[in-house]
Protein backbone atom coordinates (compact mmCIF):
# COMPACT_ATOMS: atom_id res chain seq x y z
CA MET A 1 -26.65 -33.69 -78.50
CA SER A 2 -25.99 -37.28 -78.64
CA LEU A 3 -28.19 -39.86 -80.66
CA VAL A 4 -29.46 -41.19 -77.31
CA GLY A 5 -30.47 -37.68 -76.38
CA GLU A 6 -32.20 -37.00 -79.69
CA ILE A 7 -34.20 -40.13 -79.31
CA HIS A 8 -35.01 -39.44 -75.86
CA VAL A 9 -36.44 -35.86 -76.67
CA ALA A 10 -38.14 -37.17 -79.76
CA VAL A 11 -40.05 -39.88 -77.95
CA ALA A 12 -40.71 -37.66 -74.91
CA ILE A 13 -42.28 -34.97 -77.21
CA TYR A 14 -44.39 -37.73 -78.84
CA SER A 15 -45.49 -39.00 -75.40
CA VAL A 16 -46.87 -35.61 -74.46
CA ILE A 17 -48.68 -35.29 -77.75
CA ALA A 18 -50.02 -38.77 -77.80
CA GLY A 19 -50.91 -38.66 -74.11
CA ALA A 20 -52.84 -35.41 -74.54
CA PHE A 21 -54.90 -37.03 -77.43
CA VAL A 22 -55.55 -40.15 -75.34
CA LEU A 23 -56.67 -38.20 -72.43
CA ARG A 24 -58.88 -35.74 -74.37
CA ASN A 25 -60.48 -38.06 -76.90
CA GLN A 26 -63.37 -40.55 -76.56
CA LYS A 27 -62.33 -43.71 -74.52
CA GLY A 28 -62.88 -47.34 -75.67
CA THR A 29 -62.40 -46.51 -79.44
CA VAL A 30 -59.90 -48.07 -81.90
CA LEU A 31 -58.19 -44.67 -81.99
CA HIS A 32 -57.79 -44.64 -78.23
CA THR A 33 -56.51 -48.09 -78.11
CA TRP A 34 -53.94 -47.43 -80.91
CA LEU A 35 -52.88 -44.06 -79.59
CA GLY A 36 -52.69 -45.47 -76.00
CA ARG A 37 -50.42 -48.29 -77.25
CA SER A 38 -48.25 -45.73 -79.10
CA PHE A 39 -48.20 -43.70 -75.85
CA VAL A 40 -47.10 -46.71 -73.85
CA VAL A 41 -44.20 -47.66 -76.31
CA SER A 42 -43.05 -44.03 -76.33
CA MET A 43 -43.27 -43.50 -72.54
CA LEU A 44 -41.27 -46.84 -72.09
CA ALA A 45 -38.68 -45.54 -74.66
CA THR A 46 -38.55 -42.35 -72.70
CA ASP A 47 -37.88 -43.91 -69.47
CA ILE A 48 -35.31 -46.36 -70.86
CA THR A 49 -33.44 -43.77 -72.65
CA ALA A 50 -33.29 -41.70 -69.47
CA PHE A 51 -31.12 -44.31 -68.07
CA LEU A 52 -28.85 -44.46 -70.91
CA PHE A 53 -27.60 -40.95 -69.95
CA ILE A 54 -26.26 -42.23 -66.62
CA PRO A 55 -22.72 -43.22 -67.76
CA SER A 56 -22.16 -39.73 -69.22
CA THR A 57 -24.07 -37.52 -66.85
CA GLY A 58 -24.50 -39.50 -63.68
CA ILE A 59 -27.80 -39.88 -61.75
CA SER A 60 -29.85 -36.81 -61.59
CA TRP A 61 -33.05 -36.10 -59.72
CA PHE A 62 -34.91 -37.02 -63.10
CA HIS A 63 -34.02 -40.68 -62.74
CA PRO A 64 -36.28 -41.52 -59.84
CA LEU A 65 -39.10 -39.93 -61.52
CA ALA A 66 -38.40 -42.11 -64.58
CA VAL A 67 -38.51 -45.16 -62.25
CA PHE A 68 -41.99 -44.20 -60.80
CA ASN A 69 -43.13 -43.38 -64.30
CA PHE A 70 -42.18 -46.76 -65.54
CA ALA A 71 -44.02 -48.34 -62.71
CA TYR A 72 -47.05 -46.43 -63.46
CA ILE A 73 -47.00 -47.37 -67.03
CA VAL A 74 -46.55 -51.08 -66.03
CA LEU A 75 -49.52 -50.76 -63.52
CA GLY A 76 -51.76 -48.98 -65.87
CA LEU A 77 -51.26 -51.79 -68.45
CA TRP A 78 -51.65 -54.48 -65.92
CA HIS A 79 -55.09 -53.18 -64.83
CA ALA A 80 -56.23 -52.74 -68.48
CA TYR A 81 -55.13 -56.12 -69.56
CA PHE A 82 -56.12 -58.25 -66.42
CA ARG A 83 -59.33 -56.37 -65.33
CA ARG A 84 -59.18 -58.15 -61.93
CA SER A 85 -61.17 -55.60 -60.20
CA ASN A 86 -64.50 -53.89 -61.07
CA GLN A 87 -62.52 -50.70 -60.45
CA TRP A 88 -59.91 -51.66 -63.16
CA LEU A 89 -60.89 -48.71 -65.40
CA VAL A 90 -60.55 -46.19 -62.51
CA TYR A 91 -56.91 -47.64 -61.78
CA HIS A 92 -56.04 -47.69 -65.46
CA TYR A 93 -57.02 -44.08 -65.74
CA TYR A 94 -55.14 -42.93 -62.51
CA PHE A 95 -51.97 -44.59 -63.45
CA PHE A 96 -51.85 -43.41 -67.02
CA ALA A 97 -53.05 -40.06 -66.20
CA TYR A 98 -50.27 -39.42 -63.59
CA ALA A 99 -47.71 -41.07 -65.87
CA PHE A 100 -48.66 -38.55 -68.52
CA LEU A 101 -48.48 -35.75 -65.94
CA GLY A 102 -45.04 -36.93 -65.06
CA VAL A 103 -43.73 -36.67 -68.50
CA VAL A 104 -45.19 -33.23 -68.86
CA ALA A 105 -43.65 -32.20 -65.62
CA ALA A 106 -40.25 -33.50 -66.51
CA ALA A 107 -40.44 -31.69 -69.80
CA ALA A 108 -41.40 -28.47 -68.03
CA GLY A 109 -38.60 -29.05 -65.52
CA ARG A 110 -36.02 -29.63 -68.12
CA VAL A 111 -36.76 -26.61 -70.33
CA PRO A 112 -35.20 -23.91 -68.01
CA LEU A 113 -32.17 -26.22 -67.65
CA LEU A 114 -31.65 -25.98 -71.45
CA PHE A 115 -31.22 -22.29 -71.41
CA ILE A 116 -29.43 -21.68 -68.07
CA ASP A 117 -27.14 -24.21 -66.59
CA GLY A 118 -27.72 -24.80 -62.82
CA ILE A 119 -31.08 -23.02 -62.65
CA MET A 120 -32.69 -25.68 -60.55
CA ASN A 121 -35.13 -23.59 -58.78
CA ALA A 122 -36.93 -22.58 -62.02
CA ALA A 123 -37.06 -26.25 -62.99
CA LEU A 124 -38.56 -27.27 -59.56
CA ILE A 125 -41.03 -24.18 -59.90
CA ALA A 126 -42.09 -25.40 -63.43
CA ILE A 127 -42.60 -28.94 -62.20
CA ALA A 128 -44.71 -27.71 -59.08
CA VAL A 129 -46.84 -25.53 -61.56
CA VAL A 130 -47.55 -28.45 -63.89
CA PHE A 131 -48.56 -30.72 -60.77
CA GLY A 132 -50.41 -27.94 -59.14
CA ILE A 133 -52.59 -27.53 -62.28
CA GLY A 134 -52.61 -31.17 -63.38
CA VAL A 135 -53.42 -32.97 -60.15
CA PRO A 136 -56.80 -31.12 -59.64
CA LEU A 137 -57.66 -31.88 -63.29
CA VAL A 138 -56.80 -35.57 -62.88
CA GLU A 139 -58.67 -35.87 -59.72
CA ARG A 140 -61.77 -34.19 -60.95
CA THR A 141 -61.85 -36.53 -63.85
CA GLY A 142 -61.07 -39.45 -61.63
CA LYS A 143 -64.02 -38.72 -59.40
CA VAL A 144 -66.46 -38.54 -62.33
CA LEU A 145 -65.19 -41.90 -63.50
CA ARG A 146 -65.44 -43.35 -60.00
CA LEU A 147 -68.95 -42.16 -59.69
CA ARG A 148 -69.92 -43.63 -63.03
CA GLN A 149 -68.23 -46.99 -62.11
CA ALA A 150 -70.30 -46.88 -58.70
CA HIS A 151 -73.51 -46.09 -60.63
CA ALA A 152 -72.89 -48.86 -63.12
CA ALA A 153 -72.13 -51.45 -60.48
CA ALA A 154 -75.35 -50.28 -58.53
CA ILE A 155 -77.45 -50.68 -61.54
CA SER A 156 -75.91 -54.24 -62.34
CA THR A 157 -76.52 -55.35 -58.92
CA HIS A 158 -80.16 -54.05 -58.97
CA ARG A 159 -80.67 -55.84 -62.32
CA ALA A 160 -79.38 -59.13 -60.99
CA ALA A 161 -81.59 -59.07 -57.85
């Protein structure tokens, strides 16, 4: 494996671990902030190194996923940094949760290809399983977050009146 490949695998593995901790631990803490920042850096490194494979391997179906993932990271950061909407936290959560789900799905899809060359169906099934399990979890947590945000906005409006 090339140096770029080793870096790509290392930062992808770190992204999965850091992302899991960020999503599972209490939000708004110093730990959340620092793990979140390291998650962002590792995800950006994962996406960038994915494109460094193109000269040697060509474009694969993983590359469009890396573009979407990169966009989700940027949008998640944008909402956290600028907070232009009272729903910024909801948007921040969704973009980062789906970016995390994307890296987990890419890893799950890549594993079958490591063992048997050309076993694309197994890779696609692995990705479908990750999204099949992950999307309902992301949406359930997102729904709770949206309800909390709506409740907080209603209390704030009631106090102001």
